PDB file of N, CA and C in Angstrom:
ATOM      1  N   ARG A   1     137.683   5.836 214.462  1.00  0.00           N
ATOM      2  CA  ARG A   1     138.031   4.559 215.085  1.00  0.00           C
ATOM      3  C   ARG A   1     136.787   3.801 215.583  1.00  0.00           C
ATOM      4  N   LEU A   2     136.269   3.105 214.728  1.00  0.00           N
ATOM      5  CA  LEU A   2     134.955   2.389 215.053  1.00  0.00           C
ATOM      6  C   LEU A   2     135.107   1.438 216.212  1.00  0.00           C
ATOM      7  N   ASP A   3     136.199   0.741 216.358  1.00  0.00           N
ATOM      8  CA  ASP A   3     136.409  -0.191 217.332  1.00  0.00           C
ATOM      9  C   ASP A   3     136.395   0.565 218.753  1.00  0.00           C
ATOM     10  N   GLU A   4     137.022   1.648 218.754  1.00  0.00           N
ATOM     11  CA  GLU A   4     137.049   2.503 219.997  1.00  0.00           C
ATOM     12  C   GLU A   4     135.672   3.026 220.291  1.00  0.00           C
ATOM     13  N   LEU A   5     134.887   3.361 219.317  1.00  0.00           N
ATOM     14  CA  LEU A   5     133.521   3.856 219.606  1.00  0.00           C
ATOM     15  C   LEU A   5     132.711   2.702 220.138  1.00  0.00           C
ATOM     16  N   VAL A   6     132.776   1.512 219.555  1.00  0.00           N
ATOM     17  CA  VAL A   6     132.025   0.382 220.144  1.00  0.00           C
ATOM     18  C   VAL A   6     132.439   0.079 221.589  1.00  0.00           C
ATOM     19  N   ARG A   7     133.734   0.223 221.871  1.00  0.00           N
ATOM     20  CA  ARG A   7     134.141  -0.008 223.279  1.00  0.00           C
ATOM     21  C   ARG A   7     133.663   1.073 224.216  1.00  0.00           C
ATOM     22  N   SER A   8     133.340   2.255 223.653  1.00  0.00           N
ATOM     23  CA  SER A   8     132.784   3.278 224.563  1.00  0.00           C
ATOM     24  C   SER A   8     131.336   3.059 224.853  1.00  0.00           C
ATOM     25  N   TYR A   9     130.674   2.261 224.121  1.00  0.00           N
ATOM     26  CA  TYR A   9     129.308   1.973 224.334  1.00  0.00           C
ATOM     27  C   TYR A   9     129.142   0.619 225.045  1.00  0.00           C
ATOM     28  N   PHE A  10     130.007  -0.393 224.704  1.00  0.00           N
ATOM     29  CA  PHE A  10     129.820  -1.693 225.167  1.00  0.00           C
ATOM     30  C   PHE A  10     131.090  -2.223 225.877  1.00  0.00           C
ATOM     31  N   SER A  11     130.892  -2.773 227.093  1.00  0.00           N
ATOM     32  CA  SER A  11     132.002  -3.325 227.815  1.00  0.00           C
ATOM     33  C   SER A  11     132.454  -4.656 227.172  1.00  0.00           C
ATOM     34  N   GLU A  12     133.612  -5.171 227.581  1.00  0.00           N
ATOM     35  CA  GLU A  12     134.141  -6.386 227.036  1.00  0.00           C
ATOM     36  C   GLU A  12     133.150  -7.478 227.304  1.00  0.00           C
ATOM     37  N   GLU A  13     132.497  -7.512 228.430  1.00  0.00           N
ATOM     38  CA  GLU A  13     131.494  -8.563 228.797  1.00  0.00           C
ATOM     39  C   GLU A  13     130.318  -8.456 227.871  1.00  0.00           C
ATOM     40  N   GLU A  14     129.871  -7.245 227.574  1.00  0.00           N
ATOM     41  CA  GLU A  14     128.747  -7.035 226.681  1.00  0.00           C
ATOM     42  C   GLU A  14     129.093  -7.467 225.220  1.00  0.00           C
ATOM     43  N   GLN A  15     130.280  -7.197 224.822  1.00  0.00           N
ATOM     44  CA  GLN A  15     130.670  -7.578 223.575  1.00  0.00           C
ATOM     45  C   GLN A  15     130.842  -9.104 223.420  1.00  0.00           C
ATOM     46  N   ALA A  16     131.257  -9.747 224.475  1.00  0.00           N
ATOM     47  CA  ALA A  16     131.358 -11.258 224.497  1.00  0.00           C
ATOM     48  C   ALA A  16     129.962 -11.834 224.418  1.00  0.00           C
ATOM     49  N   ARG A  17     128.944 -11.198 225.155  1.00  0.00           N
ATOM     50  CA  ARG A  17     127.637 -11.698 225.128  1.00  0.00           C
ATOM     51  C   ARG A  17     127.021 -11.505 223.667  1.00  0.00           C
ATOM     52  N   TRP A  18     127.386 -10.357 223.098  1.00  0.00           N
ATOM     53  CA  TRP A  18     126.915 -10.051 221.719  1.00  0.00           C
ATOM     54  C   TRP A  18     127.476 -11.104 220.760  1.00  0.00           C
ATOM     55  N   ARG A  19     128.755 -11.553 220.950  1.00  0.00           N
ATOM     56  CA  ARG A  19     129.280 -12.497 220.081  1.00  0.00           C
ATOM     57  C   ARG A  19     128.506 -13.882 220.237  1.00  0.00           C
ATOM     58  N   ARG A  20     128.327 -14.229 221.495  1.00  0.00           N
ATOM     59  CA  ARG A  20     127.603 -15.533 221.879  1.00  0.00           C
ATOM     60  C   ARG A  20     126.195 -15.561 221.301  1.00  0.00           C
ATOM     61  N   GLU A  21     125.501 -14.459 221.496  1.00  0.00           N
ATOM     62  CA  GLU A  21     124.075 -14.359 221.202  1.00  0.00           C
ATOM     63  C   GLU A  21     123.694 -13.925 219.824  1.00  0.00           C
ATOM     64  N   LYS A  22     124.793 -13.378 219.160  1.00  0.00           N
ATOM     65  CA  LYS A  22     124.678 -12.971 217.702  1.00  0.00           C
ATOM     66  C   LYS A  22     123.784 -11.610 217.599  1.00  0.00           C
ATOM     67  N   THR A  23     123.376 -11.038 218.677  1.00  0.00           N
ATOM     68  CA  THR A  23     122.632  -9.803 218.643  1.00  0.00           C
ATOM     69  C   THR A  23     122.671  -9.149 219.948  1.00  0.00           C
ATOM     70  N   ILE A  24     122.509  -7.781 219.954  1.00  0.00           N
ATOM     71  CA  ILE A  24     122.469  -7.020 221.180  1.00  0.00           C
ATOM     72  C   ILE A  24     121.514  -5.829 220.982  1.00  0.00           C
ATOM     73  N   ASN A  25     120.820  -5.489 222.038  1.00  0.00           N
ATOM     74  CA  ASN A  25     119.897  -4.305 221.958  1.00  0.00           C
ATOM     75  C   ASN A  25     120.541  -3.086 222.581  1.00  0.00           C
ATOM     76  N   TYR A  26     120.521  -2.013 221.913  1.00  0.00           N
ATOM     77  CA  TYR A  26     121.002  -0.814 222.442  1.00  0.00           C
ATOM     78  C   TYR A  26     119.942   0.292 222.181  1.00  0.00           C
ATOM     79  N   GLU A  27     119.423   0.843 223.223  1.00  0.00           N
ATOM     80  CA  GLU A  27     118.322   1.799 223.152  1.00  0.00           C
ATOM     81  C   GLU A  27     117.249   1.200 222.228  1.00  0.00           C
ATOM     82  N   TYR A  28     116.982   1.837 221.102  1.00  0.00           N
ATOM     83  CA  TYR A  28     115.973   1.386 220.189  1.00  0.00           C
ATOM     84  C   TYR A  28     116.466   0.543 219.040  1.00  0.00           C
ATOM     85  N   LEU A  29     117.683   0.141 219.096  1.00  0.00           N
ATOM     86  CA  LEU A  29     118.368  -0.556 218.031  1.00  0.00           C
ATOM     87  C   LEU A  29     118.614  -2.039 218.396  1.00  0.00           C
ATOM     88  N   GLU A  30     118.439  -2.965 217.488  1.00  0.00           N
ATOM     89  CA  GLU A  30     118.941  -4.268 217.606  1.00  0.00           C
ATOM     90  C   GLU A  30     120.089  -4.448 216.638  1.00  0.00           C
ATOM     91  N   LEU A  31     121.294  -4.677 217.217  1.00  0.00           N
ATOM     92  CA  LEU A  31     122.471  -4.758 216.383  1.00  0.00           C
ATOM     93  C   LEU A  31     122.891  -6.265 216.308  1.00  0.00           C
ATOM     94  N   ASP A  32     123.042  -6.695 215.050  1.00  0.00           N
ATOM     95  CA  ASP A  32     123.432  -8.135 214.875  1.00  0.00           C
ATOM     96  C   ASP A  32     124.922  -8.246 214.835  1.00  0.00           C
ATOM     97  N   ILE A  33     125.417  -9.526 214.851  1.00  0.00           N
ATOM     98  CA  ILE A  33     126.843  -9.706 214.982  1.00  0.00           C
ATOM     99  C   ILE A  33     127.632  -9.275 213.729  1.00  0.00           C
ATOM    100  N   ASP A  34     126.915  -9.107 212.582  1.00  0.00           N
ATOM    101  CA  ASP A  34     127.613  -8.562 211.377  1.00  0.00           C
ATOM    102  C   ASP A  34     128.067  -7.160 211.612  1.00  0.00           C
ATOM    103  N   PHE A  35     127.253  -6.394 212.327  1.00  0.00           N
ATOM    104  CA  PHE A  35     127.788  -5.011 212.675  1.00  0.00           C
ATOM    105  C   PHE A  35     129.026  -5.063 213.409  1.00  0.00           C
ATOM    106  N   LEU A  36     129.104  -5.821 214.479  1.00  0.00           N
ATOM    107  CA  LEU A  36     130.331  -5.901 215.332  1.00  0.00           C
ATOM    108  C   LEU A  36     131.483  -6.411 214.497  1.00  0.00           C
ATOM    109  N   ASN A  37     131.284  -7.415 213.614  1.00  0.00           N
ATOM    110  CA  ASN A  37     132.331  -7.910 212.828  1.00  0.00           C
ATOM    111  C   ASN A  37     132.763  -6.940 211.800  1.00  0.00           C
ATOM    112  N   ASP A  38     131.869  -6.149 211.265  1.00  0.00           N
ATOM    113  CA  ASP A  38     132.338  -5.189 210.217  1.00  0.00           C
ATOM    114  C   ASP A  38     133.088  -4.097 210.912  1.00  0.00           C
ATOM    115  N   VAL A  39     132.763  -3.673 212.121  1.00  0.00           N
ATOM    116  CA  VAL A  39     133.532  -2.650 212.790  1.00  0.00           C
ATOM    117  C   VAL A  39     134.969  -3.094 212.983  1.00  0.00           C
ATOM    118  N   SER A  40     135.147  -4.342 213.311  1.00  0.00           N
ATOM    119  CA  SER A  40     136.461  -4.859 213.505  1.00  0.00           C
ATOM    120  C   SER A  40     137.304  -4.967 212.237  1.00  0.00           C
ATOM    121  N   ASN A  41     136.658  -5.073 211.115  1.00  0.00           N
ATOM    122  CA  ASN A  41     137.290  -5.254 209.838  1.00  0.00           C
ATOM    123  C   ASN A  41     137.424  -3.982 208.968  1.00  0.00           C
ATOM    124  N   HIS A  42     136.811  -2.908 209.383  1.00  0.00           N
ATOM    125  CA  HIS A  42     136.720  -1.759 208.549  1.00  0.00           C
ATOM    126  C   HIS A  42     137.809  -0.717 209.046  1.00  0.00           C
ATOM    127  N   ASP A  43     138.630  -0.233 208.115  1.00  0.00           N
ATOM    128  CA  ASP A  43     139.608   0.751 208.397  1.00  0.00           C
ATOM    129  C   ASP A  43     139.179   2.107 207.765  1.00  0.00           C
ATOM    130  N   VAL A  44     138.622   2.948 208.608  1.00  0.00           N
ATOM    131  CA  VAL A  44     138.126   4.202 208.168  1.00  0.00           C
ATOM    132  C   VAL A  44     139.099   5.089 207.606  1.00  0.00           C
ATOM    133  N   LEU A  45     140.310   5.153 208.138  1.00  0.00           N
ATOM    134  CA  LEU A  45     141.351   5.985 207.636  1.00  0.00           C
ATOM    135  C   LEU A  45     141.822   5.552 206.283  1.00  0.00           C
ATOM    136  N   ALA A  46     141.956   4.170 206.018  1.00  0.00           N
ATOM    137  CA  ALA A  46     142.326   3.696 204.720  1.00  0.00           C
ATOM    138  C   ALA A  46     141.314   4.057 203.731  1.00  0.00           C
ATOM    139  N   SER A  47     140.058   4.006 204.078  1.00  0.00           N
ATOM    140  CA  SER A  47     138.927   4.390 203.173  1.00  0.00           C
ATOM    141  C   SER A  47     138.968   5.889 202.829  1.00  0.00           C
ATOM    142  N   LEU A  48     139.300   6.706 203.876  1.00  0.00           N
ATOM    143  CA  LEU A  48     139.407   8.142 203.579  1.00  0.00           C
ATOM    144  C   LEU A  48     140.406   8.427 202.605  1.00  0.00           C
ATOM    145  N   LYS A  49     141.598   7.828 202.681  1.00  0.00           N
ATOM    146  CA  LYS A  49     142.695   8.087 201.703  1.00  0.00           C
ATOM    147  C   LYS A  49     142.273   7.792 200.281  1.00  0.00           C
ATOM    148  N   LYS A  50     141.455   6.861 200.085  1.00  0.00           N
ATOM    149  CA  LYS A  50     140.968   6.415 198.719  1.00  0.00           C
ATOM    150  C   LYS A  50     140.003   7.409 198.075  1.00  0.00           C
ATOM    151  N   LYS A  51     139.239   8.238 198.879  1.00  0.00           N
ATOM    152  CA  LYS A  51     138.227   9.063 198.400  1.00  0.00           C
ATOM    153  C   LYS A  51     138.752  10.405 198.105  1.00  0.00           C
ATOM    154  N   ASP A  52     138.506  10.953 196.937  1.00  0.00           N
ATOM    155  CA  ASP A  52     138.890  12.255 196.591  1.00  0.00           C
ATOM    156  C   ASP A  52     137.556  13.036 196.268  1.00  0.00           C
ATOM    157  N   ILE A  53     136.803  13.202 197.314  1.00  0.00           N
ATOM    158  CA  ILE A  53     135.612  13.989 197.318  1.00  0.00           C
ATOM    159  C   ILE A  53     135.497  14.871 198.475  1.00  0.00           C
ATOM    160  N   PRO A  54     134.726  15.957 198.363  1.00  0.00           N
ATOM    161  CA  PRO A  54     134.548  16.849 199.481  1.00  0.00           C
ATOM    162  C   PRO A  54     133.974  16.154 200.701  1.00  0.00           C
ATOM    163  N   MET A  55     134.495  16.388 201.855  1.00  0.00           N
ATOM    164  CA  MET A  55     133.897  15.855 203.066  1.00  0.00           C
ATOM    165  C   MET A  55     133.892  16.895 204.232  1.00  0.00           C
ATOM    166  N   ILE A  56     132.885  16.831 205.065  1.00  0.00           N
ATOM    167  CA  ILE A  56     132.911  17.716 206.123  1.00  0.00           C
ATOM    168  C   ILE A  56     132.762  16.921 207.475  1.00  0.00           C
ATOM    169  N   PHE A  57     133.557  17.251 208.451  1.00  0.00           N
ATOM    170  CA  PHE A  57     133.613  16.589 209.754  1.00  0.00           C
ATOM    171  C   PHE A  57     133.157  17.649 210.764  1.00  0.00           C
ATOM    172  N   PHE A  58     132.288  17.233 211.670  1.00  0.00           N
ATOM    173  CA  PHE A  58     131.856  18.040 212.760  1.00  0.00           C
ATOM    174  C   PHE A  58     132.320  17.305 214.030  1.00  0.00           C
ATOM    175  N   HIS A  59     132.845  18.160 215.014  1.00  0.00           N
ATOM    176  CA  HIS A  59     133.288  17.518 216.325  1.00  0.00           C
ATOM    177  C   HIS A  59     132.838  18.461 217.365  1.00  0.00           C
ATOM    178  N   GLY A  60     132.138  17.893 218.317  1.00  0.00           N
ATOM    179  CA  GLY A  60     131.738  18.663 219.571  1.00  0.00           C
ATOM    180  C   GLY A  60     132.906  18.522 220.592  1.00  0.00           C
ATOM    181  N   MET A  61     133.308  19.639 221.080  1.00  0.00           N
ATOM    182  CA  MET A  61     134.426  19.570 222.022  1.00  0.00           C
ATOM    183  C   MET A  61     134.098  18.975 223.400  1.00  0.00           C
ATOM    184  N   ASP A  62     132.843  18.682 223.668  1.00  0.00           N
ATOM    185  CA  ASP A  62     132.456  17.989 224.932  1.00  0.00           C
ATOM    186  C   ASP A  62     132.050  16.592 224.586  1.00  0.00           C
ATOM    187  N   ASP A  63     132.513  16.142 223.507  1.00  0.00           N
ATOM    188  CA  ASP A  63     132.217  14.694 223.099  1.00  0.00           C
ATOM    189  C   ASP A  63     133.021  13.817 223.902  1.00  0.00           C
ATOM    190  N   LYS A  64     132.253  12.858 224.692  1.00  0.00           N
ATOM    191  CA  LYS A  64     132.940  11.899 225.621  1.00  0.00           C
ATOM    192  C   LYS A  64     133.092  10.545 224.930  1.00  0.00           C
ATOM    193  N   ARG A  65     132.604  10.445 223.690  1.00  0.00           N
ATOM    194  CA  ARG A  65     132.699   9.166 222.999  1.00  0.00           C
ATOM    195  C   ARG A  65     133.922   9.024 222.084  1.00  0.00           C
ATOM    196  N   SER A  66     134.138  10.127 221.414  1.00  0.00           N
ATOM    197  CA  SER A  66     135.128  10.188 220.381  1.00  0.00           C
ATOM    198  C   SER A  66     136.102  11.384 220.645  1.00  0.00           C
ATOM    199  N   PRO A  67     137.323  11.147 220.863  1.00  0.00           N
ATOM    200  CA  PRO A  67     138.244  12.237 221.142  1.00  0.00           C
ATOM    201  C   PRO A  67     138.464  13.115 219.983  1.00  0.00           C
ATOM    202  N   PHE A  68     138.820  14.373 220.172  1.00  0.00           N
ATOM    203  CA  PHE A  68     139.064  15.366 219.187  1.00  0.00           C
ATOM    204  C   PHE A  68     140.152  14.854 218.199  1.00  0.00           C
ATOM    205  N   GLU A  69     141.138  14.144 218.755  1.00  0.00           N
ATOM    206  CA  GLU A  69     142.240  13.661 217.863  1.00  0.00           C
ATOM    207  C   GLU A  69     141.728  12.839 216.738  1.00  0.00           C
ATOM    208  N   ASN A  70     140.640  12.053 216.995  1.00  0.00           N
ATOM    209  CA  ASN A  70     140.041  11.282 215.903  1.00  0.00           C
ATOM    210  C   ASN A  70     139.578  12.168 214.785  1.00  0.00           C
ATOM    211  N   ALA A  71     138.867  13.144 215.107  1.00  0.00           N
ATOM    212  CA  ALA A  71     138.273  14.171 214.138  1.00  0.00           C
ATOM    213  C   ALA A  71     139.463  14.815 213.347  1.00  0.00           C
ATOM    214  N   ARG A  72     140.399  15.189 214.101  1.00  0.00           N
ATOM    215  CA  ARG A  72     141.619  15.854 213.413  1.00  0.00           C
ATOM    216  C   ARG A  72     142.353  14.899 212.504  1.00  0.00           C
ATOM    217  N   GLU A  73     142.448  13.622 212.884  1.00  0.00           N
ATOM    218  CA  GLU A  73     143.076  12.585 212.019  1.00  0.00           C
ATOM    219  C   GLU A  73     142.234  12.369 210.778  1.00  0.00           C
ATOM    220  N   PHE A  74     140.853  12.244 210.926  1.00  0.00           N
ATOM    221  CA  PHE A  74     139.984  12.054 209.817  1.00  0.00           C
ATOM    222  C   PHE A  74     140.183  13.222 208.783  1.00  0.00           C
ATOM    223  N   TYR A  75     140.173  14.406 209.391  1.00  0.00           N
ATOM    224  CA  TYR A  75     140.335  15.599 208.520  1.00  0.00           C
ATOM    225  C   TYR A  75     141.679  15.619 207.786  1.00  0.00           C
ATOM    226  N   ASN A  76     142.715  15.233 208.529  1.00  0.00           N
ATOM    227  CA  ASN A  76     144.055  15.194 207.857  1.00  0.00           C
ATOM    228  C   ASN A  76     144.142  14.198 206.822  1.00  0.00           C
ATOM    229  N   TYR A  77     143.431  13.117 206.929  1.00  0.00           N
ATOM    230  CA  TYR A  77     143.428  11.969 205.873  1.00  0.00           C
ATOM    231  C   TYR A  77     142.549  12.349 204.751  1.00  0.00           C
ATOM    232  N   ALA A  78     141.524  13.132 204.890  1.00  0.00           N
ATOM    233  CA  ALA A  78     140.624  13.511 203.793  1.00  0.00           C
ATOM    234  C   ALA A  78     141.347  14.374 202.819  1.00  0.00           C
ATOM    235  N   ARG A  79     141.161  14.095 201.455  1.00  0.00           N
ATOM    236  CA  ARG A  79     141.818  14.835 200.529  1.00  0.00           C
ATOM    237  C   ARG A  79     141.214  16.169 200.316  1.00  0.00           C
ATOM    238  N   GLN A  80     139.895  16.224 200.553  1.00  0.00           N
ATOM    239  CA  GLN A  80     139.119  17.510 200.427  1.00  0.00           C
ATOM    240  C   GLN A  80     138.260  17.649 201.736  1.00  0.00           C
ATOM    241  N   GLY A  81     138.914  17.959 202.857  1.00  0.00           N
ATOM    242  CA  GLY A  81     138.185  17.969 204.118  1.00  0.00           C
ATOM    243  C   GLY A  81     137.959  19.327 204.670  1.00  0.00           C
ATOM    244  N   THR A  82     136.850  19.478 205.316  1.00  0.00           N
ATOM    245  CA  THR A  82     136.551  20.640 206.140  1.00  0.00           C
ATOM    246  C   THR A  82     136.248  20.145 207.565  1.00  0.00           C
ATOM    247  N   LEU A  83     136.758  20.828 208.595  1.00  0.00           N
ATOM    248  CA  LEU A  83     136.531  20.357 209.924  1.00  0.00           C
ATOM    249  C   LEU A  83     135.827  21.522 210.637  1.00  0.00           C
ATOM    250  N   GLU A  84     134.682  21.271 211.235  1.00  0.00           N
ATOM    251  CA  GLU A  84     133.913  22.174 211.989  1.00  0.00           C
ATOM    252  C   GLU A  84     134.045  21.747 213.454  1.00  0.00           C
ATOM    253  N   ILE A  85     134.588  22.636 214.271  1.00  0.00           N
ATOM    254  CA  ILE A  85     134.689  22.346 215.715  1.00  0.00           C
ATOM    255  C   ILE A  85     133.575  23.140 216.439  1.00  0.00           C
ATOM    256  N   VAL A  86     132.860  22.431 217.265  1.00  0.00           N
ATOM    257  CA  VAL A  86     131.678  23.045 217.970  1.00  0.00           C
ATOM    258  C   VAL A  86     131.949  23.067 219.394  1.00  0.00           C
ATOM    259  N   GLU A  87     132.218  24.234 220.034  1.00  0.00           N
ATOM    260  CA  GLU A  87     132.498  24.312 221.488  1.00  0.00           C
ATOM    261  C   GLU A  87     131.268  23.826 222.274  1.00  0.00           C
ATOM    262  N   ASP A  88     131.438  23.182 223.375  1.00  0.00           N
ATOM    263  CA  ASP A  88     130.440  22.744 224.288  1.00  0.00           C
ATOM    264  C   ASP A  88     129.466  21.714 223.736  1.00  0.00           C
ATOM    265  N   ALA A  89     129.615  21.214 222.480  1.00  0.00           N
ATOM    266  CA  ALA A  89     128.619  20.215 221.961  1.00  0.00           C
ATOM    267  C   ALA A  89     129.097  18.846 222.285  1.00  0.00           C
ATOM    268  N   ASP A  90     128.193  17.988 222.648  1.00  0.00           N
ATOM    269  CA  ASP A  90     128.513  16.580 222.885  1.00  0.00           C
ATOM    270  C   ASP A  90     128.535  15.727 221.641  1.00  0.00           C
ATOM    271  N   HIS A  91     128.695  14.501 221.799  1.00  0.00           N
ATOM    272  CA  HIS A  91     128.871  13.574 220.613  1.00  0.00           C
ATOM    273  C   HIS A  91     127.567  13.543 219.752  1.00  0.00           C
ATOM    274  N   SER A  92     126.379  13.693 220.301  1.00  0.00           N
ATOM    275  CA  SER A  92     125.156  13.580 219.517  1.00  0.00           C
ATOM    276  C   SER A  92     124.517  14.967 219.238  1.00  0.00           C
ATOM    277  N   PHE A  93     125.290  16.083 219.613  1.00  0.00           N
ATOM    278  CA  PHE A  93     124.753  17.426 219.409  1.00  0.00           C
ATOM    279  C   PHE A  93     123.257  17.543 219.997  1.00  0.00           C
ATOM    280  N   THR A  94     123.170  17.071 221.279  1.00  0.00           N
ATOM    281  CA  THR A  94     121.813  17.072 221.868  1.00  0.00           C
ATOM    282  C   THR A  94     121.279  18.455 222.197  1.00  0.00           C
ATOM    283  N   ASN A  95     122.139  19.330 222.432  1.00  0.00           N
ATOM    284  CA  ASN A  95     121.596  20.700 222.665  1.00  0.00           C
ATOM    285  C   ASN A  95     121.056  21.313 221.414  1.00  0.00           C
ATOM    286  N   SER A  96     119.861  21.849 221.433  1.00  0.00           N
ATOM    287  CA  SER A  96     119.218  22.409 220.164  1.00  0.00           C
ATOM    288  C   SER A  96     120.026  23.475 219.522  1.00  0.00           C
ATOM    289  N   LYS A  97     120.735  24.272 220.261  1.00  0.00           N
ATOM    290  CA  LYS A  97     121.564  25.347 219.721  1.00  0.00           C
ATOM    291  C   LYS A  97     122.746  24.780 218.917  1.00  0.00           C
ATOM    292  N   HIS A  98     123.362  23.697 219.511  1.00  0.00           N
ATOM    293  CA  HIS A  98     124.410  22.962 218.673  1.00  0.00           C
ATOM    294  C   HIS A  98     123.816  22.360 217.469  1.00  0.00           C
ATOM    295  N   ARG A  99     122.729  21.687 217.585  1.00  0.00           N
ATOM    296  CA  ARG A  99     122.123  20.917 216.499  1.00  0.00           C
ATOM    297  C   ARG A  99     121.811  21.885 215.334  1.00  0.00           C
ATOM    298  N   GLU A 100     121.171  23.091 215.721  1.00  0.00           N
ATOM    299  CA  GLU A 100     120.790  24.066 214.751  1.00  0.00           C
ATOM    300  C   GLU A 100     122.022  24.560 214.020  1.00  0.00           C
ATOM    301  N   TYR A 101     123.137  24.769 214.741  1.00  0.00           N
ATOM    302  CA  TYR A 101     124.374  25.213 214.116  1.00  0.00           C
ATOM    303  C   TYR A 101     124.896  24.160 213.103  1.00  0.00           C
ATOM    304  N   LEU A 102     124.841  22.905 213.541  1.00  0.00           N
ATOM    305  CA  LEU A 102     125.325  21.818 212.761  1.00  0.00           C
ATOM    306  C   LEU A 102     124.451  21.751 211.305  1.00  0.00           C
ATOM    307  N   PHE A 103     123.127  21.822 211.488  1.00  0.00           N
ATOM    308  CA  PHE A 103     122.303  21.674 210.268  1.00  0.00           C
ATOM    309  C   PHE A 103     122.437  22.974 209.405  1.00  0.00           C
ATOM    310  N   GLU A 104     122.559  24.187 210.007  1.00  0.00           N
ATOM    311  CA  GLU A 104     122.741  25.326 209.239  1.00  0.00           C
ATOM    312  C   GLU A 104     124.129  25.330 208.466  1.00  0.00           C
ATOM    313  N   THR A 105     125.147  24.982 209.258  1.00  0.00           N
ATOM    314  CA  THR A 105     126.464  24.951 208.630  1.00  0.00           C
ATOM    315  C   THR A 105     126.536  23.824 207.549  1.00  0.00           C
ATOM    316  N   LEU A 106     126.032  22.696 207.804  1.00  0.00           N
ATOM    317  CA  LEU A 106     125.933  21.615 206.771  1.00  0.00           C
ATOM    318  C   LEU A 106     125.220  22.051 205.567  1.00  0.00           C
ATOM    319  N   GLY A 107     124.021  22.695 205.750  1.00  0.00           N
ATOM    320  CA  GLY A 107     123.320  23.198 204.624  1.00  0.00           C
ATOM    321  C   GLY A 107     124.068  24.173 203.735  1.00  0.00           C
ATOM    322  N   GLU A 108     124.833  25.061 204.408  1.00  0.00           N
ATOM    323  CA  GLU A 108     125.632  26.060 203.647  1.00  0.00           C
ATOM    324  C   GLU A 108     126.724  25.359 202.954  1.00  0.00           C
ATOM    325  N   TRP A 109     127.297  24.401 203.585  1.00  0.00           N
ATOM    326  CA  TRP A 109     128.504  23.627 203.003  1.00  0.00           C
ATOM    327  C   TRP A 109     127.931  22.925 201.685  1.00  0.00           C
ATOM    328  N   LEU A 110     126.876  22.233 201.906  1.00  0.00           N
ATOM    329  CA  LEU A 110     126.238  21.489 200.802  1.00  0.00           C
ATOM    330  C   LEU A 110     125.912  22.394 199.615  1.00  0.00           C
ATOM    331  N   ALA A 111     125.368  23.600 199.880  1.00  0.00           N
ATOM    332  CA  ALA A 111     125.047  24.535 198.821  1.00  0.00           C
ATOM    333  C   ALA A 111     126.189  25.015 198.087  1.00  0.00           C
ATOM    334  N   ARG A 112     127.320  25.230 198.762  1.00  0.00           N
ATOM    335  CA  ARG A 112     128.589  25.678 198.232  1.00  0.00           C
ATOM    336  C   ARG A 112     129.299  24.462 197.365  1.00  0.00           C
ATOM    337  N   THR A 113     129.157  23.284 197.978  1.00  0.00           N
ATOM    338  CA  THR A 113     129.990  22.200 197.450  1.00  0.00           C
ATOM    339  C   THR A 113     129.280  21.410 196.317  1.00  0.00           C
ATOM    340  N   LEU A 114     127.975  21.334 196.347  1.00  0.00           N
ATOM    341  CA  LEU A 114     127.303  20.534 195.330  1.00  0.00           C
ATOM    342  C   LEU A 114     127.072  21.335 194.057  1.00  0.00           C
TER     343      LEU A 114
END
């Protein structure tokens, strides 16, 4: 849910300013209005239904940005999906132990899948 993700980072006032000024800075990124418009017009679930390719989804259970239900829904919509749940990991896998697990698991999945 890209629109929910944007709302978790930017308040309604920030999004209104973004629309007025056609750009917004977030950390080290400058995001233009095309990004915001694309988020509003893109249906991730509909896109997943159309793809018949292997996909892997990682979800940290301490993710404050995206609820687990979203990951579960993506997994359920994917025709060839794998869902990896990582206890105590946040949205960005900032803990090195969690990041190491993510890269190791992804590498193994890629080796099996490709």
